[in-house]
Amino acid sequence: MAKYRKKPVEIEAIQWTGDNTSEILKWIGDNAYFTDTLYIKTLEGDHKATVGDYIIKGIKGEFYPCKPDVFEATYELVK
């Protein structure tokens, strides 16, 4: 079995605090909606986000939610 390393790519992301819903909806546009919670329209269908999730804009312009522990293990802040 071969081993692989994820290529370094820069992404845009914002953590959903519950208080910044309008900011996220403005950023994502038609790719999200809010009813009782935040939903992100992904390539695999609509995904429910929970407060604390990071909303990521991928390298092809797609959006998706990511749990904080996975985000912090995968990404580091670009300075």
Protein backbone atom coordinates (compact mmCIF):
# COMPACT_ATOMS: atom_id res chain seq x y z
CA MET A 1 0.00 0.00 0.00
CA ALA A 2 1.44 3.41 -1.00
CA LYS A 3 1.33 6.43 1.27
CA TYR A 4 0.23 9.87 0.08
CA ARG A 5 0.51 13.39 1.48
CA LYS A 6 -2.07 16.09 0.86
CA LYS A 7 -0.74 18.77 -1.49
CA PRO A 8 -0.39 22.18 0.11
CA VAL A 9 -3.21 24.40 -1.13
CA GLU A 10 -4.64 27.61 0.26
CA ILE A 11 -8.36 27.75 0.93
CA GLU A 12 -10.74 30.38 2.29
CA ALA A 13 -12.70 29.49 5.42
CA ILE A 14 -14.75 31.03 8.20
CA GLN A 15 -15.90 29.46 11.44
CA TRP A 16 -19.64 29.63 12.04
CA THR A 17 -20.19 31.12 15.50
CA GLY A 18 -23.97 31.35 15.30
CA ASP A 19 -23.70 35.14 15.37
CA ASN A 20 -22.15 35.51 11.91
CA THR A 21 -24.82 33.74 9.86
CA SER A 22 -25.58 36.78 7.70
CA GLU A 23 -21.86 37.23 6.94
CA ILE A 24 -21.59 33.60 5.83
CA LEU A 25 -24.75 33.78 3.72
CA LYS A 26 -23.45 36.94 2.03
CA TRP A 27 -20.09 35.26 1.31
CA ILE A 28 -21.58 32.00 0.01
CA GLY A 29 -24.56 33.47 -1.83
CA ASP A 30 -26.92 30.91 -3.35
CA ASN A 31 -24.80 28.03 -2.06
CA ALA A 32 -26.31 28.20 1.44
CA TYR A 33 -29.56 28.82 3.23
CA PHE A 34 -30.74 29.19 6.82
CA THR A 35 -33.95 27.80 8.27
CA ASP A 36 -33.51 26.51 11.81
CA THR A 37 -29.81 25.98 11.12
CA LEU A 38 -27.26 26.63 8.39
CA TYR A 39 -27.28 24.40 5.31
CA ILE A 40 -24.49 24.37 2.75
CA LYS A 41 -25.20 23.25 -0.81
CA THR A 42 -22.30 20.95 -1.65
CA LEU A 43 -21.46 18.86 -4.70
CA GLU A 44 -22.90 15.86 -2.82
CA GLY A 45 -26.14 17.60 -1.77
CA ASP A 46 -27.17 19.85 1.11
CA HIS A 47 -25.13 19.46 4.30
CA LYS A 48 -26.28 20.68 7.70
CA ALA A 49 -23.68 22.76 9.52
CA THR A 50 -23.51 23.08 13.28
CA VAL A 51 -22.22 26.04 15.27
CA GLY A 52 -18.44 25.71 15.48
CA ASP A 53 -18.05 24.15 12.03
CA TYR A 54 -15.75 25.82 9.56
CA ILE A 55 -17.25 26.69 6.20
CA ILE A 56 -14.63 26.09 3.52
CA LYS A 57 -14.41 27.37 -0.03
CA GLY A 58 -12.53 24.68 -1.95
CA ILE A 59 -10.06 25.04 -4.77
CA LYS A 60 -12.79 24.75 -7.41
CA GLY A 61 -15.07 27.31 -5.74
CA GLU A 62 -17.22 24.71 -3.98
CA PHE A 63 -18.36 25.17 -0.37
CA TYR A 64 -18.66 22.62 2.41
CA PRO A 65 -18.76 22.45 6.21
CA CYS A 66 -15.90 20.91 8.19
CA LYS A 67 -15.81 19.89 11.85
CA PRO A 68 -13.35 21.94 13.96
CA ASP A 69 -11.13 18.99 14.93
CA VAL A 70 -10.72 17.89 11.30
CA PHE A 71 -10.13 21.50 10.18
CA GLU A 72 -7.46 22.11 12.82
CA ALA A 73 -5.70 18.83 12.00
CA THR A 74 -5.72 19.61 8.26
CA TYR A 75 -5.20 23.37 7.91
CA GLU A 76 -2.98 26.07 9.37
CA LEU A 77 -3.41 29.83 9.13
CA VAL A 78 -1.51 31.47 6.25
CA LYS A 79 0.34 34.53 7.46
